Amino acid sequence: LVSGRIDILVGTHALLSDTTMFHRLGLVVVDEQHRFGV
């Protein structure tokens, strides 16, 4: 992910972890948005 070899990452709250770092994150899609806080 951090080296840019992954284009689309699908996941749960694990995506929010400090250890989850992207190479160049351009778009975030949040499904069922009302289930997530600000």
PDB file of all heavy atoms in Angstrom:
ATOM      1  N   LEU A   1       0.826  -1.204   0.000  1.00  0.00           N
ATOM      2  CA  LEU A   1       0.000   0.000   0.000  1.00  0.00           C
ATOM      3  C   LEU A   1       0.864   1.259   0.000  1.00  0.00           C
ATOM      4  O   LEU A   1       0.664   2.177  -0.798  1.00  0.00           O
ATOM      5  CB  LEU A   1      -0.936  -0.007   1.214  1.00  0.00           C
ATOM      6  CG  LEU A   1      -1.911   1.157   1.332  1.00  0.00           C
ATOM      7  CD1 LEU A   1      -2.948   1.089   0.211  1.00  0.00           C
ATOM      8  CD2 LEU A   1      -2.607   1.138   2.703  1.00  0.00           C
ATOM      9  N   VAL A   2       1.839   1.316   0.909  1.00  0.00           N
ATOM     10  CA  VAL A   2       2.653   2.522   1.043  1.00  0.00           C
ATOM     11  C   VAL A   2       3.598   2.698  -0.143  1.00  0.00           C
ATOM     12  O   VAL A   2       4.022   3.809  -0.458  1.00  0.00           O
ATOM     13  CB  VAL A   2       3.428   2.500   2.384  1.00  0.00           C
ATOM     14  CG1 VAL A   2       4.597   1.517   2.332  1.00  0.00           C
ATOM     15  CG2 VAL A   2       3.900   3.904   2.761  1.00  0.00           C
ATOM     16  N   SER A   3       3.905   1.587  -0.847  1.00  0.00           N
ATOM     17  CA  SER A   3       4.783   1.680  -2.014  1.00  0.00           C
ATOM     18  C   SER A   3       4.001   1.977  -3.286  1.00  0.00           C
ATOM     19  O   SER A   3       4.596   2.156  -4.352  1.00  0.00           O
ATOM     20  CB  SER A   3       5.570   0.382  -2.187  1.00  0.00           C
ATOM     21  OG  SER A   3       4.697  -0.704  -2.473  1.00  0.00           O
ATOM     22  N   GLY A   4       2.676   1.987  -3.199  1.00  0.00           N
ATOM     23  CA  GLY A   4       1.846   2.324  -4.342  1.00  0.00           C
ATOM     24  C   GLY A   4       1.465   1.149  -5.211  1.00  0.00           C
ATOM     25  O   GLY A   4       0.887   1.333  -6.291  1.00  0.00           O
ATOM     26  N   ARG A   5       1.712  -0.089  -4.776  1.00  0.00           N
ATOM     27  CA  ARG A   5       1.378  -1.260  -5.578  1.00  0.00           C
ATOM     28  C   ARG A   5      -0.106  -1.615  -5.497  1.00  0.00           C
ATOM     29  O   ARG A   5      -0.589  -2.426  -6.286  1.00  0.00           O
ATOM     30  CB  ARG A   5       2.217  -2.467  -5.140  1.00  0.00           C
ATOM     31  CG  ARG A   5       3.689  -2.351  -5.485  1.00  0.00           C
ATOM     32  CD  ARG A   5       4.407  -3.681  -5.336  1.00  0.00           C
ATOM     33  NE  ARG A   5       3.855  -4.675  -6.261  1.00  0.00           N
ATOM     34  CZ  ARG A   5       3.248  -5.792  -5.874  1.00  0.00           C
ATOM     35  NH1 ARG A   5       3.087  -6.058  -4.587  1.00  0.00           N
ATOM     36  NH2 ARG A   5       2.781  -6.651  -6.780  1.00  0.00           N
ATOM     37  N   ILE A   6      -0.828  -1.052  -4.533  1.00  0.00           N
ATOM     38  CA  ILE A   6      -2.270  -1.281  -4.407  1.00  0.00           C
ATOM     39  C   ILE A   6      -2.993  -0.031  -4.893  1.00  0.00           C
ATOM     40  O   ILE A   6      -2.693   1.087  -4.465  1.00  0.00           O
ATOM     41  CB  ILE A   6      -2.656  -1.609  -2.952  1.00  0.00           C
ATOM     42  CG1 ILE A   6      -2.072  -2.962  -2.554  1.00  0.00           C
ATOM     43  CG2 ILE A   6      -4.173  -1.608  -2.772  1.00  0.00           C
ATOM     44  CD1 ILE A   6      -2.274  -3.319  -1.099  1.00  0.00           C
ATOM     45  N   ASP A   7      -3.953  -0.236  -5.792  1.00  0.00           N
ATOM     46  CA  ASP A   7      -4.718   0.885  -6.337  1.00  0.00           C
ATOM     47  C   ASP A   7      -5.958   1.191  -5.512  1.00  0.00           C
ATOM     48  O   ASP A   7      -6.275   2.353  -5.253  1.00  0.00           O
ATOM     49  CB  ASP A   7      -5.154   0.563  -7.774  1.00  0.00           C
ATOM     50  CG  ASP A   7      -3.974   0.391  -8.707  1.00  0.00           C
ATOM     51  OD1 ASP A   7      -3.097   1.267  -8.709  1.00  0.00           O
ATOM     52  OD2 ASP A   7      -3.931  -0.624  -9.422  1.00  0.00           O
ATOM     53  N   ILE A   8      -6.697   0.138  -5.138  1.00  0.00           N
ATOM     54  CA  ILE A   8      -7.944   0.309  -4.385  1.00  0.00           C
ATOM     55  C   ILE A   8      -7.861  -0.568  -3.146  1.00  0.00           C
ATOM     56  O   ILE A   8      -7.644  -1.785  -3.251  1.00  0.00           O
ATOM     57  CB  ILE A   8      -9.176  -0.081  -5.221  1.00  0.00           C
ATOM     58  CG1 ILE A   8      -9.313   0.831  -6.444  1.00  0.00           C
ATOM     59  CG2 ILE A   8     -10.447  -0.012  -4.375  1.00  0.00           C
ATOM     60  CD1 ILE A   8     -10.439   0.421  -7.390  1.00  0.00           C
ATOM     61  N   LEU A   9      -8.037   0.031  -1.988  1.00  0.00           N
ATOM     62  CA  LEU A   9      -8.028  -0.716  -0.732  1.00  0.00           C
ATOM     63  C   LEU A   9      -9.420  -0.679  -0.129  1.00  0.00           C
ATOM     64  O   LEU A   9      -9.985   0.403   0.095  1.00  0.00           O
ATOM     65  CB  LEU A   9      -7.021  -0.124   0.257  1.00  0.00           C
ATOM     66  CG  LEU A   9      -6.915  -0.838   1.610  1.00  0.00           C
ATOM     67  CD1 LEU A   9      -6.426  -2.272   1.424  1.00  0.00           C
ATOM     68  CD2 LEU A   9      -5.992  -0.082   2.567  1.00  0.00           C
ATOM     69  N   VAL A  10      -9.977  -1.852   0.116  1.00  0.00           N
ATOM     70  CA  VAL A  10     -11.290  -1.980   0.750  1.00  0.00           C
ATOM     71  C   VAL A  10     -11.062  -2.465   2.173  1.00  0.00           C
ATOM     72  O   VAL A  10     -10.244  -3.360   2.405  1.00  0.00           O
ATOM     73  CB  VAL A  10     -12.177  -2.991  -0.005  1.00  0.00           C
ATOM     74  CG1 VAL A  10     -13.560  -3.074   0.629  1.00  0.00           C
ATOM     75  CG2 VAL A  10     -12.277  -2.624  -1.476  1.00  0.00           C
ATOM     76  N   GLY A  11     -11.781  -1.892   3.137  1.00  0.00           N
ATOM     77  CA  GLY A  11     -11.574  -2.360   4.500  1.00  0.00           C
ATOM     78  C   GLY A  11     -12.545  -1.783   5.494  1.00  0.00           C
ATOM     79  O   GLY A  11     -13.457  -1.024   5.150  1.00  0.00           O
ATOM     80  N   THR A  12     -12.337  -2.180   6.742  1.00  0.00           N
ATOM     81  CA  THR A  12     -13.149  -1.703   7.856  1.00  0.00           C
ATOM     82  C   THR A  12     -12.367  -0.622   8.591  1.00  0.00           C
ATOM     83  O   THR A  12     -11.540   0.076   7.993  1.00  0.00           O
ATOM     84  CB  THR A  12     -13.474  -2.871   8.802  1.00  0.00           C
ATOM     85  OG1 THR A  12     -12.242  -3.472   9.242  1.00  0.00           O
ATOM     86  CG2 THR A  12     -14.310  -3.934   8.093  1.00  0.00           C
ATOM     87  N   HIS A  13     -12.575  -0.509   9.895  1.00  0.00           N
ATOM     88  CA  HIS A  13     -11.892   0.513  10.677  1.00  0.00           C
ATOM     89  C   HIS A  13     -10.375   0.320  10.685  1.00  0.00           C
ATOM     90  O   HIS A  13      -9.646   1.226  11.095  1.00  0.00           O
ATOM     91  CB  HIS A  13     -12.412   0.499  12.120  1.00  0.00           C
ATOM     92  CG  HIS A  13     -13.836   0.907  12.230  1.00  0.00           C
ATOM     93  ND1 HIS A  13     -14.865   0.088  11.843  1.00  0.00           N
ATOM     94  CD2 HIS A  13     -14.414   2.058  12.664  1.00  0.00           C
ATOM     95  CE1 HIS A  13     -16.012   0.709  12.041  1.00  0.00           C
ATOM     96  NE2 HIS A  13     -15.768   1.904  12.536  1.00  0.00           N
ATOM     97  N   ALA A  14      -9.902  -0.851  10.240  1.00  0.00           N
ATOM     98  CA  ALA A  14      -8.461  -1.069  10.152  1.00  0.00           C
ATOM     99  C   ALA A  14      -7.810  -0.041   9.230  1.00  0.00           C
ATOM    100  O   ALA A  14      -6.620   0.270   9.373  1.00  0.00           O
ATOM    101  CB  ALA A  14      -8.175  -2.488   9.662  1.00  0.00           C
ATOM    102  N   LEU A  15      -8.564   0.512   8.280  1.00  0.00           N
ATOM    103  CA  LEU A  15      -8.028   1.534   7.389  1.00  0.00           C
ATOM    104  C   LEU A  15      -7.665   2.802   8.140  1.00  0.00           C
ATOM    105  O   LEU A  15      -6.873   3.616   7.659  1.00  0.00           O
ATOM    106  CB  LEU A  15      -9.051   1.883   6.289  1.00  0.00           C
ATOM    107  CG  LEU A  15      -8.980   1.082   4.989  1.00  0.00           C
ATOM    108  CD1 LEU A  15      -9.341  -0.379   5.245  1.00  0.00           C
ATOM    109  CD2 LEU A  15      -9.921   1.670   3.942  1.00  0.00           C
ATOM    110  N   LEU A  16      -8.265   2.994   9.315  1.00  0.00           N
ATOM    111  CA  LEU A  16      -8.045   4.217  10.082  1.00  0.00           C
ATOM    112  C   LEU A  16      -6.812   4.138  10.971  1.00  0.00           C
ATOM    113  O   LEU A  16      -6.412   5.132  11.573  1.00  0.00           O
ATOM    114  CB  LEU A  16      -9.268   4.503  10.961  1.00  0.00           C
ATOM    115  CG  LEU A  16     -10.610   4.597  10.228  1.00  0.00           C
ATOM    116  CD1 LEU A  16     -11.744   4.729  11.231  1.00  0.00           C
ATOM    117  CD2 LEU A  16     -10.615   5.762   9.260  1.00  0.00           C
ATOM    118  N   SER A  17      -6.214   2.947  11.079  1.00  0.00           N
ATOM    119  CA  SER A  17      -5.063   2.761  11.956  1.00  0.00           C
ATOM    120  C   SER A  17      -3.892   3.641  11.531  1.00  0.00           C
ATOM    121  O   SER A  17      -3.694   3.915  10.342  1.00  0.00           O
ATOM    122  CB  SER A  17      -4.635   1.290  11.943  1.00  0.00           C
ATOM    123  OG  SER A  17      -3.381   1.125  12.571  1.00  0.00           O
ATOM    124  N   ASP A  18      -3.099   4.071  12.515  1.00  0.00           N
ATOM    125  CA  ASP A  18      -1.920   4.885  12.213  1.00  0.00           C
ATOM    126  C   ASP A  18      -0.917   4.126  11.356  1.00  0.00           C
ATOM    127  O   ASP A  18      -0.093   4.739  10.663  1.00  0.00           O
ATOM    128  CB  ASP A  18      -1.252   5.337  13.517  1.00  0.00           C
ATOM    129  CG  ASP A  18      -2.101   6.336  14.287  1.00  0.00           C
ATOM    130  OD1 ASP A  18      -2.976   6.974  13.662  1.00  0.00           O
ATOM    131  OD2 ASP A  18      -1.894   6.471  15.509  1.00  0.00           O
ATOM    132  N   THR A  19      -0.959   2.788  11.411  1.00  0.00           N
ATOM    133  CA  THR A  19      -0.004   1.997  10.637  1.00  0.00           C
ATOM    134  C   THR A  19      -0.434   1.820   9.180  1.00  0.00           C
ATOM    135  O   THR A  19       0.333   1.306   8.373  1.00  0.00           O
ATOM    136  CB  THR A  19       0.182   0.606  11.270  1.00  0.00           C
ATOM    137  OG1 THR A  19      -1.083  -0.084  11.282  1.00  0.00           O
ATOM    138  CG2 THR A  19       0.699   0.722  12.694  1.00  0.00           C
ATOM    139  N   THR A  20      -1.658   2.220   8.866  1.00  0.00           N
ATOM    140  CA  THR A  20      -2.140   2.112   7.482  1.00  0.00           C
ATOM    141  C   THR A  20      -1.807   3.410   6.756  1.00  0.00           C
ATOM    142  O   THR A  20      -2.470   4.430   6.936  1.00  0.00           O
ATOM    143  CB  THR A  20      -3.655   1.852   7.449  1.00  0.00           C
ATOM    144  OG1 THR A  20      -3.960   0.696   8.232  1.00  0.00           O
ATOM    145  CG2 THR A  20      -4.133   1.636   6.025  1.00  0.00           C
ATOM    146  N   MET A  21      -0.754   3.361   5.924  1.00  0.00           N
ATOM    147  CA  MET A  21      -0.282   4.561   5.229  1.00  0.00           C
ATOM    148  C   MET A  21      -0.346   4.338   3.719  1.00  0.00           C
ATOM    149  O   MET A  21       0.031   3.278   3.225  1.00  0.00           O
ATOM    150  CB  MET A  21       1.143   4.903   5.664  1.00  0.00           C
ATOM    151  CG  MET A  21       1.239   5.328   7.123  1.00  0.00           C
ATOM    152  SD  MET A  21       2.922   5.750   7.640  1.00  0.00           S
ATOM    153  CE  MET A  21       3.690   4.130   7.662  1.00  0.00           C
ATOM    154  N   PHE A  22      -0.802   5.354   3.025  1.00  0.00           N
ATOM    155  CA  PHE A  22      -0.973   5.277   1.579  1.00  0.00           C
ATOM    156  C   PHE A  22       0.200   5.962   0.867  1.00  0.00           C
ATOM    157  O   PHE A  22       0.882   6.828   1.439  1.00  0.00           O
ATOM    158  CB  PHE A  22      -2.281   5.949   1.159  1.00  0.00           C
ATOM    159  CG  PHE A  22      -3.517   5.225   1.602  1.00  0.00           C
ATOM    160  CD1 PHE A  22      -3.995   5.343   2.902  1.00  0.00           C
ATOM    161  CD2 PHE A  22      -4.220   4.416   0.713  1.00  0.00           C
ATOM    162  CE1 PHE A  22      -5.139   4.683   3.311  1.00  0.00           C
ATOM    163  CE2 PHE A  22      -5.368   3.753   1.110  1.00  0.00           C
ATOM    164  CZ  PHE A  22      -5.822   3.881   2.411  1.00  0.00           C
ATOM    165  N   HIS A  23       0.390   5.576  -0.384  1.00  0.00           N
ATOM    166  CA  HIS A  23       1.401   6.230  -1.215  1.00  0.00           C
ATOM    167  C   HIS A  23       0.864   7.565  -1.727  1.00  0.00           C
ATOM    168  O   HIS A  23       1.550   8.589  -1.649  1.00  0.00           O
ATOM    169  CB  HIS A  23       1.760   5.309  -2.394  1.00  0.00           C
ATOM    170  CG  HIS A  23       2.707   5.933  -3.367  1.00  0.00           C
ATOM    171  ND1 HIS A  23       4.024   6.213  -3.048  1.00  0.00           N
ATOM    172  CD2 HIS A  23       2.542   6.354  -4.671  1.00  0.00           C
ATOM    173  CE1 HIS A  23       4.625   6.755  -4.089  1.00  0.00           C
ATOM    174  NE2 HIS A  23       3.739   6.859  -5.082  1.00  0.00           N
ATOM    175  N   ARG A  24      -0.357   7.563  -2.253  1.00  0.00           N
ATOM    176  CA  ARG A  24      -0.973   8.797  -2.774  1.00  0.00           C
ATOM    177  C   ARG A  24      -2.484   8.616  -2.770  1.00  0.00           C
ATOM    178  O   ARG A  24      -3.085   8.263  -3.774  1.00  0.00           O
ATOM    179  CB  ARG A  24      -0.472   9.091  -4.184  1.00  0.00           C
ATOM    180  CG  ARG A  24      -0.897  10.468  -4.746  1.00  0.00           C
ATOM    181  CD  ARG A  24      -0.143  10.763  -6.029  1.00  0.00           C
ATOM    182  NE  ARG A  24      -0.465  12.090  -6.552  1.00  0.00           N
ATOM    183  CZ  ARG A  24      -1.245  12.311  -7.610  1.00  0.00           C
ATOM    184  NH1 ARG A  24      -1.786  11.290  -8.264  1.00  0.00           N
ATOM    185  NH2 ARG A  24      -1.472  13.532  -8.031  1.00  0.00           N
ATOM    186  N   LEU A  25      -3.092   8.849  -1.624  1.00  0.00           N
ATOM    187  CA  LEU A  25      -4.535   8.648  -1.484  1.00  0.00           C
ATOM    188  C   LEU A  25      -5.273   9.831  -2.098  1.00  0.00           C
ATOM    189  O   LEU A  25      -5.106  10.972  -1.674  1.00  0.00           O
ATOM    190  CB  LEU A  25      -4.915   8.500  -0.012  1.00  0.00           C
ATOM    191  CG  LEU A  25      -6.402   8.277   0.282  1.00  0.00           C
ATOM    192  CD1 LEU A  25      -6.902   6.995  -0.367  1.00  0.00           C
ATOM    193  CD2 LEU A  25      -6.652   8.238   1.799  1.00  0.00           C
ATOM    194  N   GLY A  26      -6.098   9.553  -3.092  1.00  0.00           N
ATOM    195  CA  GLY A  26      -6.802  10.633  -3.770  1.00  0.00           C
ATOM    196  C   GLY A  26      -8.299  10.650  -3.548  1.00  0.00           C
ATOM    197  O   GLY A  26      -8.937  11.700  -3.659  1.00  0.00           O
ATOM    198  N   LEU A  27      -8.893   9.469  -3.229  1.00  0.00           N
ATOM    199  CA  LEU A  27     -10.350   9.392  -3.086  1.00  0.00           C
ATOM    200  C   LEU A  27     -10.702   8.442  -1.951  1.00  0.00           C
ATOM    201  O   LEU A  27     -10.165   7.335  -1.872  1.00  0.00           O
ATOM    202  CB  LEU A  27     -10.989   8.893  -4.387  1.00  0.00           C
ATOM    203  CG  LEU A  27     -12.490   8.562  -4.349  1.00  0.00           C
ATOM    204  CD1 LEU A  27     -13.318   9.803  -4.044  1.00  0.00           C
ATOM    205  CD2 LEU A  27     -12.936   7.918  -5.665  1.00  0.00           C
ATOM    206  N   VAL A  28     -11.602   8.893  -1.107  1.00  0.00           N
ATOM    207  CA  VAL A  28     -12.139   8.065  -0.024  1.00  0.00           C
ATOM    208  C   VAL A  28     -13.627   7.864  -0.285  1.00  0.00           C
ATOM    209  O   VAL A  28     -14.373   8.840  -0.444  1.00  0.00           O
ATOM    210  CB  VAL A  28     -11.938   8.722   1.357  1.00  0.00           C
ATOM    211  CG1 VAL A  28     -12.610   7.891   2.447  1.00  0.00           C
ATOM    212  CG2 VAL A  28     -10.466   8.896   1.660  1.00  0.00           C
ATOM    213  N   VAL A  29     -14.039   6.608  -0.333  1.00  0.00           N
ATOM    214  CA  VAL A  29     -15.461   6.277  -0.451  1.00  0.00           C
ATOM    215  C   VAL A  29     -15.881   5.656   0.873  1.00  0.00           C
ATOM    216  O   VAL A  29     -15.288   4.665   1.312  1.00  0.00           O
ATOM    217  CB  VAL A  29     -15.722   5.283  -1.604  1.00  0.00           C
ATOM    218  CG1 VAL A  29     -17.209   4.934  -1.675  1.00  0.00           C
ATOM    219  CG2 VAL A  29     -15.250   5.864  -2.924  1.00  0.00           C
ATOM    220  N   VAL A  30     -16.872   6.248   1.516  1.00  0.00           N
ATOM    221  CA  VAL A  30     -17.352   5.754   2.802  1.00  0.00           C
ATOM    222  C   VAL A  30     -18.751   5.188   2.598  1.00  0.00           C
ATOM    223  O   VAL A  30     -19.674   5.915   2.230  1.00  0.00           O
ATOM    224  CB  VAL A  30     -17.380   6.859   3.879  1.00  0.00           C
ATOM    225  CG1 VAL A  30     -17.831   6.286   5.214  1.00  0.00           C
ATOM    226  CG2 VAL A  30     -16.011   7.497   4.024  1.00  0.00           C
ATOM    227  N   ASP A  31     -18.901   3.875   2.821  1.00  0.00           N
ATOM    228  CA  ASP A  31     -20.208   3.247   2.650  1.00  0.00           C
ATOM    229  C   ASP A  31     -20.970   3.270   3.961  1.00  0.00           C
ATOM    230  O   ASP A  31     -20.373   3.145   5.037  1.00  0.00           O
ATOM    231  CB  ASP A  31     -20.051   1.801   2.178  1.00  0.00           C
ATOM    232  CG  ASP A  31     -21.382   1.212   1.735  1.00  0.00           C
ATOM    233  OD1 ASP A  31     -22.234   1.974   1.255  1.00  0.00           O
ATOM    234  OD2 ASP A  31     -21.573   0.005   1.891  1.00  0.00           O
ATOM    235  N   GLU A  32     -22.295   3.403   3.870  1.00  0.00           N
ATOM    236  CA  GLU A  32     -23.138   3.533   5.062  1.00  0.00           C
ATOM    237  C   GLU A  32     -22.565   4.627   5.958  1.00  0.00           C
ATOM    238  O   GLU A  32     -22.223   4.404   7.115  1.00  0.00           O
ATOM    239  CB  GLU A  32     -23.240   2.198   5.806  1.00  0.00           C
ATOM    240  CG  GLU A  32     -24.073   1.174   5.062  1.00  0.00           C
ATOM    241  CD  GLU A  32     -25.468   1.717   4.722  1.00  0.00           C
ATOM    242  OE1 GLU A  32     -26.234   1.995   5.638  1.00  0.00           O
ATOM    243  OE2 GLU A  32     -25.776   1.855   3.530  1.00  0.00           O
ATOM    244  N   GLN A  33     -22.449   5.836   5.401  1.00  0.00           N
ATOM    245  CA  GLN A  33     -21.721   6.919   6.053  1.00  0.00           C
ATOM    246  C   GLN A  33     -22.249   7.249   7.436  1.00  0.00           C
ATOM    247  O   GLN A  33     -21.514   7.693   8.296  1.00  0.00           O
ATOM    248  CB  GLN A  33     -21.738   8.157   5.161  1.00  0.00           C
ATOM    249  CG  GLN A  33     -22.847   9.142   5.397  1.00  0.00           C
ATOM    250  CD  GLN A  33     -22.506  10.148   6.454  1.00  0.00           C
ATOM    251  OE1 GLN A  33     -21.350  10.470   6.650  1.00  0.00           O
ATOM    252  NE2 GLN A  33     -23.501  10.630   7.149  1.00  0.00           N
ATOM    253  N   HIS A  34     -23.548   7.002   7.678  1.00  0.00           N
ATOM    254  CA  HIS A  34     -24.112   7.370   8.969  1.00  0.00           C
ATOM    255  C   HIS A  34     -23.596   6.485  10.094  1.00  0.00           C
ATOM    256  O   HIS A  34     -23.873   6.733  11.250  1.00  0.00           O
ATOM    257  CB  HIS A  34     -25.637   7.305   8.912  1.00  0.00           C
ATOM    258  CG  HIS A  34     -26.171   5.986   8.453  1.00  0.00           C
ATOM    259  ND1 HIS A  34     -26.191   5.622   7.138  1.00  0.00           N
ATOM    260  CD2 HIS A  34     -26.697   4.952   9.137  1.00  0.00           C
ATOM    261  CE1 HIS A  34     -26.716   4.416   7.022  1.00  0.00           C
ATOM    262  NE2 HIS A  34     -27.034   3.988   8.218  1.00  0.00           N
ATOM    263  N   ARG A  35     -22.835   5.437   9.763  1.00  0.00           N
ATOM    264  CA  ARG A  35     -22.289   4.576  10.805  1.00  0.00           C
ATOM    265  C   ARG A  35     -20.901   5.031  11.245  1.00  0.00           C
ATOM    266  O   ARG A  35     -20.245   4.353  12.015  1.00  0.00           O
ATOM    267  CB  ARG A  35     -22.232   3.129  10.318  1.00  0.00           C
ATOM    268  CG  ARG A  35     -23.605   2.531  10.041  1.00  0.00           C
ATOM    269  CD  ARG A  35     -23.483   1.156   9.461  1.00  0.00           C
ATOM    270  NE  ARG A  35     -24.802   0.655   9.060  1.00  0.00           N
ATOM    271  CZ  ARG A  35     -25.403  -0.388   9.629  1.00  0.00           C
ATOM    272  NH1 ARG A  35     -24.836  -1.018  10.619  1.00  0.00           N
ATOM    273  NH2 ARG A  35     -26.576  -0.790   9.200  1.00  0.00           N
ATOM    274  N   PHE A  36     -20.418   6.139  10.738  1.00  0.00           N
ATOM    275  CA  PHE A  36     -19.098   6.615  11.093  1.00  0.00           C
ATOM    276  C   PHE A  36     -19.188   8.021  11.665  1.00  0.00           C
ATOM    277  O   PHE A  36     -19.909   8.856  11.149  1.00  0.00           O
ATOM    278  CB  PHE A  36     -18.175   6.607   9.879  1.00  0.00           C
ATOM    279  CG  PHE A  36     -17.911   5.231   9.345  1.00  0.00           C
ATOM    280  CD1 PHE A  36     -18.663   4.713   8.318  1.00  0.00           C
ATOM    281  CD2 PHE A  36     -16.923   4.446   9.912  1.00  0.00           C
ATOM    282  CE1 PHE A  36     -18.434   3.443   7.837  1.00  0.00           C
ATOM    283  CE2 PHE A  36     -16.688   3.171   9.442  1.00  0.00           C
ATOM    284  CZ  PHE A  36     -17.438   2.664   8.405  1.00  0.00           C
ATOM    285  N   GLY A  37     -18.405   8.269  12.706  1.00  0.00           N
ATOM    286  CA  GLY A  37     -18.369   9.587  13.299  1.00  0.00           C
ATOM    287  C   GLY A  37     -17.462  10.517  12.511  1.00  0.00           C
ATOM    288  O   GLY A  37     -16.719  10.119  11.617  1.00  0.00           O
ATOM    289  N   VAL A  38     -17.527  11.806  12.872  1.00  0.00           N
ATOM    290  CA  VAL A  38     -16.742  12.824  12.180  1.00  0.00           C
ATOM    291  C   VAL A  38     -15.258  12.514  12.269  1.00  0.00           C
ATOM    292  O   VAL A  38     -14.519  12.603  11.293  1.00  0.00           O
ATOM    293  CB  VAL A  38     -17.046  14.214  12.779  1.00  0.00           C
ATOM    294  CG1 VAL A  38     -16.102  15.261  12.216  1.00  0.00           C
ATOM    295  CG2 VAL A  38     -18.493  14.593  12.523  1.00  0.00           C
TER     296      VAL A  38
END
